[in-house]
Amino acid sequence: HIEGKGHSEADSAVQHIDEATGKGIHIGKFYGDGAFYANKLYE
């Protein structure tokens, strides 16, 4: 997305995890810097 117009990095991570698990991929670990310190991602 254009800078300032799209999802946060944490929102993108949630979306990508949803898409991956929907395709049958088990996510064992998630690595991220401080930008991913978000309630929705931990949930």
All heavy atoms as atom14 arrays in JSON, in Angstrom:
{
  "sequence": "HIEGKGHSEADSAVQHIDEATGKGIHIGKFYGDGAFYANKLYE",
  "atom14_mask": [
    [1, 1, 1, 1, 1, 1, 1, 1, 1, 1, 0, 0, 0, 0],
    [1, 1, 1, 1, 1, 1, 1, 1, 0, 0, 0, 0, 0, 0],
    [1, 1, 1, 1, 1, 1, 1, 1, 1, 0, 0, 0, 0, 0],
    [1, 1, 1, 1, 0, 0, 0, 0, 0, 0, 0, 0, 0, 0],
    [1, 1, 1, 1, 1, 1, 1, 1, 1, 0, 0, 0, 0, 0],
    [1, 1, 1, 1, 0, 0, 0, 0, 0, 0, 0, 0, 0, 0],
    [1, 1, 1, 1, 1, 1, 1, 1, 1, 1, 0, 0, 0, 0],
    [1, 1, 1, 1, 1, 1, 0, 0, 0, 0, 0, 0, 0, 0],
    [1, 1, 1, 1, 1, 1, 1, 1, 1, 0, 0, 0, 0, 0],
    [1, 1, 1, 1, 1, 0, 0, 0, 0, 0, 0, 0, 0, 0],
    [1, 1, 1, 1, 1, 1, 1, 1, 0, 0, 0, 0, 0, 0],
    [1, 1, 1, 1, 1, 1, 0, 0, 0, 0, 0, 0, 0, 0],
    [1, 1, 1, 1, 1, 0, 0, 0, 0, 0, 0, 0, 0, 0],
    [1, 1, 1, 1, 1, 1, 1, 0, 0, 0, 0, 0, 0, 0],
    [1, 1, 1, 1, 1, 1, 1, 1, 1, 0, 0, 0, 0, 0],
    [1, 1, 1, 1, 1, 1, 1, 1, 1, 1, 0, 0, 0, 0],
    [1, 1, 1, 1, 1, 1, 1, 1, 0, 0, 0, 0, 0, 0],
    [1, 1, 1, 1, 1, 1, 1, 1, 0, 0, 0, 0, 0, 0],
    [1, 1, 1, 1, 1, 1, 1, 1, 1, 0, 0, 0, 0, 0],
    [1, 1, 1, 1, 1, 0, 0, 0, 0, 0, 0, 0, 0, 0],
    [1, 1, 1, 1, 1, 1, 1, 0, 0, 0, 0, 0, 0, 0],
    [1, 1, 1, 1, 0, 0, 0, 0, 0, 0, 0, 0, 0, 0],
    [1, 1, 1, 1, 1, 1, 1, 1, 1, 0, 0, 0, 0, 0],
    [1, 1, 1, 1, 0, 0, 0, 0, 0, 0, 0, 0, 0, 0],
    [1, 1, 1, 1, 1, 1, 1, 1, 0, 0, 0, 0, 0, 0],
    [1, 1, 1, 1, 1, 1, 1, 1, 1, 1, 0, 0, 0, 0],
    [1, 1, 1, 1, 1, 1, 1, 1, 0, 0, 0, 0, 0, 0],
    [1, 1, 1, 1, 0, 0, 0, 0, 0, 0, 0, 0, 0, 0],
    [1, 1, 1, 1, 1, 1, 1, 1, 1, 0, 0, 0, 0, 0],
    [1, 1, 1, 1, 1, 1, 1, 1, 1, 1, 1, 0, 0, 0],
    [1, 1, 1, 1, 1, 1, 1, 1, 1, 1, 1, 1, 0, 0],
    [1, 1, 1, 1, 0, 0, 0, 0, 0, 0, 0, 0, 0, 0],
    [1, 1, 1, 1, 1, 1, 1, 1, 0, 0, 0, 0, 0, 0],
    [1, 1, 1, 1, 0, 0, 0, 0, 0, 0, 0, 0, 0, 0],
    [1, 1, 1, 1, 1, 0, 0, 0, 0, 0, 0, 0, 0, 0],
    [1, 1, 1, 1, 1, 1, 1, 1, 1, 1, 1, 0, 0, 0],
    [1, 1, 1, 1, 1, 1, 1, 1, 1, 1, 1, 1, 0, 0],
    [1, 1, 1, 1, 1, 0, 0, 0, 0, 0, 0, 0, 0, 0],
    [1, 1, 1, 1, 1, 1, 1, 1, 0, 0, 0, 0, 0, 0],
    [1, 1, 1, 1, 1, 1, 1, 1, 1, 0, 0, 0, 0, 0],
    [1, 1, 1, 1, 1, 1, 1, 1, 0, 0, 0, 0, 0, 0],
    [1, 1, 1, 1, 1, 1, 1, 1, 1, 1, 1, 1, 0, 0],
    [1, 1, 1, 1, 1, 1, 1, 1, 1, 0, 0, 0, 0, 0]
  ],
  "atom14_positions": [
    [[0.84, -1.2, 0.0], [0.0, 0.0, 0.0], [0.88, 1.25, 0.0], [2.06, 1.2, 0.32], [-0.95, 0.02, 1.2], [-0.23, 0.02, 2.52], [0.03, -1.14, 3.23], [0.27, 1.04, 3.28], [0.66, -0.85, 4.35], [0.82, 0.46, 4.39], [0.0, 0.0, 0.0], [0.0, 0.0, 0.0], [0.0, 0.0, 0.0], [0.0, 0.0, 0.0]],
    [[0.27, 2.36, -0.37], [0.95, 3.64, -0.31], [1.13, 4.03, 1.15], [0.25, 3.81, 1.98], [0.14, 4.73, -1.05], [-0.03, 4.35, -2.53], [0.82, 6.09, -0.93], [1.25, 4.27, -3.31], [0.0, 0.0, 0.0], [0.0, 0.0, 0.0], [0.0, 0.0, 0.0], [0.0, 0.0, 0.0], [0.0, 0.0, 0.0], [0.0, 0.0, 0.0]],
    [[2.27, 4.59, 1.47], [2.58, 4.98, 2.84], [1.45, 5.8, 3.46], [0.98, 6.78, 2.88], [3.87, 5.79, 2.85], [4.35, 6.23, 4.22], [5.59, 7.09, 4.15], [6.05, 7.38, 3.02], [6.1, 7.47, 5.21], [0.0, 0.0, 0.0], [0.0, 0.0, 0.0], [0.0, 0.0, 0.0], [0.0, 0.0, 0.0], [0.0, 0.0, 0.0]],
    [[0.98, 5.35, 4.64], [-0.07, 6.06, 5.35], [-1.47, 5.73, 4.92], [-2.44, 6.28, 5.46], [0.0, 0.0, 0.0], [0.0, 0.0, 0.0], [0.0, 0.0, 0.0], [0.0, 0.0, 0.0], [0.0, 0.0, 0.0], [0.0, 0.0, 0.0], [0.0, 0.0, 0.0], [0.0, 0.0, 0.0], [0.0, 0.0, 0.0], [0.0, 0.0, 0.0]],
    [[-1.65, 4.8, 3.96], [-2.97, 4.52, 3.42], [-3.48, 3.11, 3.7], [-4.64, 2.82, 3.43], [-2.96, 4.73, 1.89], [-2.6, 6.15, 1.45], [-3.67, 7.14, 1.82], [-3.36, 8.53, 1.26], [-4.4, 9.52, 1.63], [0.0, 0.0, 0.0], [0.0, 0.0, 0.0], [0.0, 0.0, 0.0], [0.0, 0.0, 0.0], [0.0, 0.0, 0.0]],
    [[-2.65, 2.23, 4.22], [-3.05, 0.84, 4.33], [-3.06, 0.3, 5.75], [-3.08, 1.04, 6.72], [0.0, 0.0, 0.0], [0.0, 0.0, 0.0], [0.0, 0.0, 0.0], [0.0, 0.0, 0.0], [0.0, 0.0, 0.0], [0.0, 0.0, 0.0], [0.0, 0.0, 0.0], [0.0, 0.0, 0.0], [0.0, 0.0, 0.0], [0.0, 0.0, 0.0]],
    [[-3.02, -1.02, 5.83], [-3.04, -1.72, 7.1], [-1.75, -1.48, 7.88], [-0.71, -1.19, 7.31], [-3.19, -3.23, 6.9], [-4.45, -3.63, 6.2], [-5.69, -3.33, 6.65], [-4.63, -4.34, 5.05], [-6.6, -3.82, 5.83], [-5.97, -4.43, 4.84], [0.0, 0.0, 0.0], [0.0, 0.0, 0.0], [0.0, 0.0, 0.0], [0.0, 0.0, 0.0]],
    [[-1.84, -1.65, 9.19], [-0.62, -1.69, 10.01], [0.06, -3.02, 9.75], [-0.53, -3.96, 9.2], [-0.97, -1.57, 11.49], [-1.65, -2.73, 11.94], [0.0, 0.0, 0.0], [0.0, 0.0, 0.0], [0.0, 0.0, 0.0], [0.0, 0.0, 0.0], [0.0, 0.0, 0.0], [0.0, 0.0, 0.0], [0.0, 0.0, 0.0], [0.0, 0.0, 0.0]],
    [[1.33, -3.12, 10.13], [2.06, -4.38, 9.94], [1.41, -5.5, 10.74], [1.36, -6.65, 10.28], [3.52, -4.19, 10.34], [4.31, -3.29, 9.39], [5.77, -3.18, 9.76], [6.17, -3.69, 10.82], [6.53, -2.57, 8.99], [0.0, 0.0, 0.0], [0.0, 0.0, 0.0], [0.0, 0.0, 0.0], [0.0, 0.0, 0.0], [0.0, 0.0, 0.0]],
    [[0.92, -5.19, 11.93], [0.27, -6.21, 12.75], [-1.01, -6.71, 12.08], [-1.31, -7.92, 12.09], [-0.04, -5.66, 14.14], [0.0, 0.0, 0.0], [0.0, 0.0, 0.0], [0.0, 0.0, 0.0], [0.0, 0.0, 0.0], [0.0, 0.0, 0.0], [0.0, 0.0, 0.0], [0.0, 0.0, 0.0], [0.0, 0.0, 0.0], [0.0, 0.0, 0.0]],
    [[-1.79, -5.8, 11.48], [-3.0, -6.21, 10.76], [-2.65, -7.1, 9.57], [-3.34, -8.08, 9.3], [-3.75, -4.98, 10.26], [-4.48, -4.23, 11.37], [-4.76, -4.86, 12.4], [-4.72, -3.02, 11.22], [0.0, 0.0, 0.0], [0.0, 0.0, 0.0], [0.0, 0.0, 0.0], [0.0, 0.0, 0.0], [0.0, 0.0, 0.0], [0.0, 0.0, 0.0]],
    [[-1.58, -6.75, 8.86], [-1.15, -7.57, 7.73], [-0.75, -8.96, 8.21], [-1.05, -9.97, 7.55], [0.02, -6.91, 7.0], [-0.38, -5.69, 6.4], [0.0, 0.0, 0.0], [0.0, 0.0, 0.0], [0.0, 0.0, 0.0], [0.0, 0.0, 0.0], [0.0, 0.0, 0.0], [0.0, 0.0, 0.0], [0.0, 0.0, 0.0], [0.0, 0.0, 0.0]],
    [[-0.06, -9.03, 9.34], [0.35, -10.33, 9.88], [-0.86, -11.19, 10.21], [-0.88, -12.39, 9.88], [1.22, -10.13, 11.13], [0.0, 0.0, 0.0], [0.0, 0.0, 0.0], [0.0, 0.0, 0.0], [0.0, 0.0, 0.0], [0.0, 0.0, 0.0], [0.0, 0.0, 0.0], [0.0, 0.0, 0.0], [0.0, 0.0, 0.0], [0.0, 0.0, 0.0]],
    [[-1.88, -10.6, 10.83], [-3.1, -11.35, 11.14], [-3.74, -11.88, 9.87], [-4.16, -13.04, 9.79], [-4.09, -10.46, 11.93], [-5.45, -11.15, 12.04], [-3.54, -10.13, 13.3], [0.0, 0.0, 0.0], [0.0, 0.0, 0.0], [0.0, 0.0, 0.0], [0.0, 0.0, 0.0], [0.0, 0.0, 0.0], [0.0, 0.0, 0.0], [0.0, 0.0, 0.0]],
    [[-3.81, -11.03, 8.84], [-4.4, -11.45, 7.57], [-3.61, -12.58, 6.94], [-4.19, -13.57, 6.46], [-4.45, -10.26, 6.62], [-4.99, -10.59, 5.23], [-4.97, -9.38, 4.31], [-5.06, -8.24, 4.75], [-4.83, -9.63, 3.02], [0.0, 0.0, 0.0], [0.0, 0.0, 0.0], [0.0, 0.0, 0.0], [0.0, 0.0, 0.0], [0.0, 0.0, 0.0]],
    [[-2.29, -12.48, 6.94], [-1.46, -13.51, 6.32], [-1.57, -14.83, 7.08], [-1.57, -15.91, 6.47], [0.0, -13.07, 6.29], [0.23, -11.89, 5.39], [1.4, -11.14, 5.43], [-0.54, -11.33, 4.43], [1.31, -10.18, 4.54], [0.15, -10.27, 3.92], [0.0, 0.0, 0.0], [0.0, 0.0, 0.0], [0.0, 0.0, 0.0], [0.0, 0.0, 0.0]],
    [[-1.66, -14.76, 8.4], [-1.82, -15.98, 9.21], [-3.15, -16.64, 8.91], [-3.25, -17.86, 8.78], [-1.66, -15.65, 10.71], [-0.21, -15.28, 11.01], [-2.1, -16.84, 11.57], [0.0, -14.68, 12.37], [0.0, 0.0, 0.0], [0.0, 0.0, 0.0], [0.0, 0.0, 0.0], [0.0, 0.0, 0.0], [0.0, 0.0, 0.0], [0.0, 0.0, 0.0]],
    [[-4.2, -15.83, 8.8], [-5.53, -16.36, 8.44], [-5.48, -17.08, 7.1], [-6.02, -18.17, 6.93], [-6.56, -15.24, 8.38], [-7.2, -14.95, 9.74], [-7.22, -15.87, 10.58], [-7.68, -13.83, 9.94], [0.0, 0.0, 0.0], [0.0, 0.0, 0.0], [0.0, 0.0, 0.0], [0.0, 0.0, 0.0], [0.0, 0.0, 0.0], [0.0, 0.0, 0.0]],
    [[-4.84, -16.45, 6.12], [-4.75, -17.04, 4.78], [-3.95, -18.33, 4.79], [-4.33, -19.32, 4.14], [-4.13, -16.03, 3.82], [-5.0, -14.81, 3.55], [-4.27, -13.72, 2.78], [-3.03, -13.87, 2.57], [-4.91, -12.73, 2.39], [0.0, 0.0, 0.0], [0.0, 0.0, 0.0], [0.0, 0.0, 0.0], [0.0, 0.0, 0.0], [0.0, 0.0, 0.0]],
    [[-2.84, -18.35, 5.54], [-1.99, -19.54, 5.58], [-2.69, -20.71, 6.27], [-2.69, -21.83, 5.76], [-0.68, -19.22, 6.29], [0.0, 0.0, 0.0], [0.0, 0.0, 0.0], [0.0, 0.0, 0.0], [0.0, 0.0, 0.0], [0.0, 0.0, 0.0], [0.0, 0.0, 0.0], [0.0, 0.0, 0.0], [0.0, 0.0, 0.0], [0.0, 0.0, 0.0]],
    [[-3.3, -20.43, 7.42], [-3.99, -21.52, 8.14], [-5.2, -21.99, 7.34], [-5.57, -23.17, 7.4], [-4.41, -21.05, 9.54], [-5.19, -19.85, 9.44], [-3.18, -20.79, 10.41], [0.0, 0.0, 0.0], [0.0, 0.0, 0.0], [0.0, 0.0, 0.0], [0.0, 0.0, 0.0], [0.0, 0.0, 0.0], [0.0, 0.0, 0.0], [0.0, 0.0, 0.0]],
    [[-5.83, -21.09, 6.6], [-6.95, -21.48, 5.75], [-6.54, -22.43, 4.64], [-7.37, -23.16, 4.08], [0.0, 0.0, 0.0], [0.0, 0.0, 0.0], [0.0, 0.0, 0.0], [0.0, 0.0, 0.0], [0.0, 0.0, 0.0], [0.0, 0.0, 0.0], [0.0, 0.0, 0.0], [0.0, 0.0, 0.0], [0.0, 0.0, 0.0], [0.0, 0.0, 0.0]],
    [[-5.25, -22.43, 4.29], [-4.72, -23.35, 3.28], [-4.09, -24.59, 3.9], [-3.4, -25.35, 3.22], [-3.69, -22.61, 2.41], [-4.3, -21.48, 1.6], [-3.23, -20.7, 0.84], [-3.85, -19.54, 0.06], [-2.83, -18.71, -0.62], [0.0, 0.0, 0.0], [0.0, 0.0, 0.0], [0.0, 0.0, 0.0], [0.0, 0.0, 0.0], [0.0, 0.0, 0.0]],
    [[-4.33, -24.79, 5.19], [-3.85, -26.0, 5.85], [-2.44, -25.94, 6.38], [-1.84, -26.99, 6.69], [0.0, 0.0, 0.0], [0.0, 0.0, 0.0], [0.0, 0.0, 0.0], [0.0, 0.0, 0.0], [0.0, 0.0, 0.0], [0.0, 0.0, 0.0], [0.0, 0.0, 0.0], [0.0, 0.0, 0.0], [0.0, 0.0, 0.0], [0.0, 0.0, 0.0]],
    [[-1.87, -24.76, 6.5], [-0.5, -24.61, 7.02], [-0.55, -24.36, 8.52], [-1.24, -23.43, 8.97], [0.23, -23.46, 6.32], [0.26, -23.68, 4.8], [1.65, -23.29, 6.87], [0.8, -22.49, 4.02], [0.0, 0.0, 0.0], [0.0, 0.0, 0.0], [0.0, 0.0, 0.0], [0.0, 0.0, 0.0], [0.0, 0.0, 0.0], [0.0, 0.0, 0.0]],
    [[0.16, -25.15, 9.28], [0.24, -24.93, 10.73], [1.38, -23.95, 11.02], [2.52, -24.18, 10.61], [0.48, -26.24, 11.47], [0.73, -26.04, 12.94], [-0.19, -25.47, 13.8], [1.83, -26.31, 13.7], [0.31, -25.4, 15.02], [1.54, -25.92, 14.98], [0.0, 0.0, 0.0], [0.0, 0.0, 0.0], [0.0, 0.0, 0.0], [0.0, 0.0, 0.0]],
    [[1.07, -22.88, 11.71], [2.08, -21.9, 12.1], [2.59, -22.26, 13.49], [1.85, -22.22, 14.47], [1.49, -20.47, 12.11], [0.82, -20.16, 10.78], [2.58, -19.45, 12.42], [1.74, -20.18, 9.59], [0.0, 0.0, 0.0], [0.0, 0.0, 0.0], [0.0, 0.0, 0.0], [0.0, 0.0, 0.0], [0.0, 0.0, 0.0], [0.0, 0.0, 0.0]],
    [[3.88, -22.62, 13.58], [4.44, -23.04, 14.86], [4.95, -21.89, 15.7], [4.76, -21.86, 16.92], [0.0, 0.0, 0.0], [0.0, 0.0, 0.0], [0.0, 0.0, 0.0], [0.0, 0.0, 0.0], [0.0, 0.0, 0.0], [0.0, 0.0, 0.0], [0.0, 0.0, 0.0], [0.0, 0.0, 0.0], [0.0, 0.0, 0.0], [0.0, 0.0, 0.0]],
    [[5.59, -20.9, 15.05], [6.15, -19.75, 15.76], [5.94, -18.51, 14.91], [5.88, -18.59, 13.67], [7.64, -19.93, 16.04], [8.0, -21.11, 16.92], [9.51, -21.25, 17.08], [9.88, -22.45, 17.92], [11.36, -22.6, 18.05], [0.0, 0.0, 0.0], [0.0, 0.0, 0.0], [0.0, 0.0, 0.0], [0.0, 0.0, 0.0], [0.0, 0.0, 0.0]],
    [[5.85, -17.37, 15.6], [5.77, -16.09, 14.89], [6.82, -15.15, 15.45], [6.89, -14.93, 16.66], [4.39, -15.44, 15.05], [4.31, -14.07, 14.43], [3.99, -13.93, 13.1], [4.62, -12.93, 15.17], [3.96, -12.67, 12.5], [4.59, -11.67, 14.59], [4.25, -11.54, 13.25], [0.0, 0.0, 0.0], [0.0, 0.0, 0.0], [0.0, 0.0, 0.0]],
    [[7.66, -14.6, 14.57], [8.71, -13.66, 14.95], [8.35, -12.26, 14.48], [7.94, -12.07, 13.34], [10.04, -14.07, 14.31], [10.58, -15.42, 14.72], [10.16, -16.58, 14.08], [11.51, -15.54, 15.74], [10.64, -17.83, 14.44], [12.01, -16.78, 16.11], [11.59, -17.91, 15.46], [12.07, -19.14, 15.82], [0.0, 0.0, 0.0], [0.0, 0.0, 0.0]],
    [[8.52, -11.29, 15.36], [8.25, -9.91, 14.97], [8.92, -8.92, 15.9], [9.21, -9.23, 17.06], [0.0, 0.0, 0.0], [0.0, 0.0, 0.0], [0.0, 0.0, 0.0], [0.0, 0.0, 0.0], [0.0, 0.0, 0.0], [0.0, 0.0, 0.0], [0.0, 0.0, 0.0], [0.0, 0.0, 0.0], [0.0, 0.0, 0.0], [0.0, 0.0, 0.0]],
    [[9.17, -7.71, 15.39], [9.75, -6.67, 16.24], [8.65, -5.96, 17.03], [7.5, -6.42, 17.07], [10.58, -5.7, 15.4], [9.75, -4.99, 14.33], [8.51, -4.91, 14.47], [10.34, -4.5, 13.35], [0.0, 0.0, 0.0], [0.0, 0.0, 0.0], [0.0, 0.0, 0.0], [0.0, 0.0, 0.0], [0.0, 0.0, 0.0], [0.0, 0.0, 0.0]],
    [[8.99, -4.84, 17.64], [8.04, -4.16, 18.51], [6.78, -3.67, 17.82], [5.78, -3.39, 18.48], [0.0, 0.0, 0.0], [0.0, 0.0, 0.0], [0.0, 0.0, 0.0], [0.0, 0.0, 0.0], [0.0, 0.0, 0.0], [0.0, 0.0, 0.0], [0.0, 0.0, 0.0], [0.0, 0.0, 0.0], [0.0, 0.0, 0.0], [0.0, 0.0, 0.0]],
    [[6.79, -3.55, 16.48], [5.6, -3.1, 15.76], [4.47, -4.12, 15.85], [3.31, -3.78, 15.55], [5.96, -2.85, 14.29], [0.0, 0.0, 0.0], [0.0, 0.0, 0.0], [0.0, 0.0, 0.0], [0.0, 0.0, 0.0], [0.0, 0.0, 0.0], [0.0, 0.0, 0.0], [0.0, 0.0, 0.0], [0.0, 0.0, 0.0], [0.0, 0.0, 0.0]],
    [[4.77, -5.33, 16.28], [3.77, -6.39, 16.33], [3.27, -6.65, 17.75], [2.58, -7.64, 18.0], [4.34, -7.68, 15.72], [4.71, -7.5, 14.28], [5.99, -7.11, 13.92], [3.76, -7.66, 13.29], [6.33, -6.91, 12.59], [4.09, -7.46, 11.95], [5.37, -7.09, 11.61], [0.0, 0.0, 0.0], [0.0, 0.0, 0.0], [0.0, 0.0, 0.0]],
    [[3.58, -5.73, 18.65], [3.09, -5.82, 20.02], [1.64, -5.32, 20.03], [1.34, -4.2, 20.44], [3.98, -4.98, 20.94], [3.59, -5.0, 22.4], [3.78, -6.13, 23.17], [3.05, -3.86, 23.0], [3.42, -6.14, 24.51], [2.7, -3.86, 24.33], [2.89, -5.0, 25.08], [2.53, -4.99, 26.41], [0.0, 0.0, 0.0], [0.0, 0.0, 0.0]],
    [[0.74, -6.16, 19.55], [-0.67, -5.77, 19.38], [-1.57, -6.88, 19.91], [-1.34, -8.07, 19.65], [-0.97, -5.5, 17.91], [0.0, 0.0, 0.0], [0.0, 0.0, 0.0], [0.0, 0.0, 0.0], [0.0, 0.0, 0.0], [0.0, 0.0, 0.0], [0.0, 0.0, 0.0], [0.0, 0.0, 0.0], [0.0, 0.0, 0.0], [0.0, 0.0, 0.0]],
    [[-2.6, -6.48, 20.64], [-3.52, -7.44, 21.24], [-4.08, -8.43, 20.23], [-4.12, -9.64, 20.46], [-4.68, -6.7, 21.94], [-4.27, -6.1, 23.27], [-3.63, -6.76, 24.07], [-4.64, -4.86, 23.5], [0.0, 0.0, 0.0], [0.0, 0.0, 0.0], [0.0, 0.0, 0.0], [0.0, 0.0, 0.0], [0.0, 0.0, 0.0], [0.0, 0.0, 0.0]],
    [[-4.55, -7.91, 19.09], [-5.22, -8.76, 18.1], [-4.28, -9.83, 17.57], [-4.72, -10.95, 17.28], [-5.76, -7.9, 16.96], [-4.7, -7.22, 16.11], [-5.32, -6.35, 15.02], [-5.85, -5.08, 15.63], [-6.34, -4.14, 14.57], [0.0, 0.0, 0.0], [0.0, 0.0, 0.0], [0.0, 0.0, 0.0], [0.0, 0.0, 0.0], [0.0, 0.0, 0.0]],
    [[-2.99, -9.52, 17.46], [-2.05, -10.5, 16.95], [-1.8, -11.6, 17.98], [-1.76, -12.78, 17.64], [-0.74, -9.82, 16.56], [0.35, -10.73, 15.99], [-0.17, -11.56, 14.81], [1.57, -9.92, 15.56], [0.0, 0.0, 0.0], [0.0, 0.0, 0.0], [0.0, 0.0, 0.0], [0.0, 0.0, 0.0], [0.0, 0.0, 0.0], [0.0, 0.0, 0.0]],
    [[-1.64, -11.22, 19.25], [-1.46, -12.23, 20.3], [-2.68, -13.16, 20.37], [-2.55, -14.37, 20.54], [-1.23, -11.56, 21.65], [0.19, -11.09, 21.86], [0.57, -9.81, 21.49], [1.16, -11.93, 22.42], [1.88, -9.37, 21.68], [2.46, -11.5, 22.61], [2.82, -10.21, 22.23], [4.11, -9.78, 22.42], [0.0, 0.0, 0.0], [0.0, 0.0, 0.0]],
    [[-3.87, -12.59, 20.24], [-5.08, -13.41, 20.26], [-5.11, -14.36, 19.08], [-5.47, -15.54, 19.21], [-6.31, -12.5, 20.25], [-6.5, -11.65, 21.5], [-6.89, -12.49, 22.71], [-7.55, -13.54, 22.53], [-6.54, -12.09, 23.85], [0.0, 0.0, 0.0], [0.0, 0.0, 0.0], [0.0, 0.0, 0.0], [0.0, 0.0, 0.0], [0.0, 0.0, 0.0]]
  ]
}
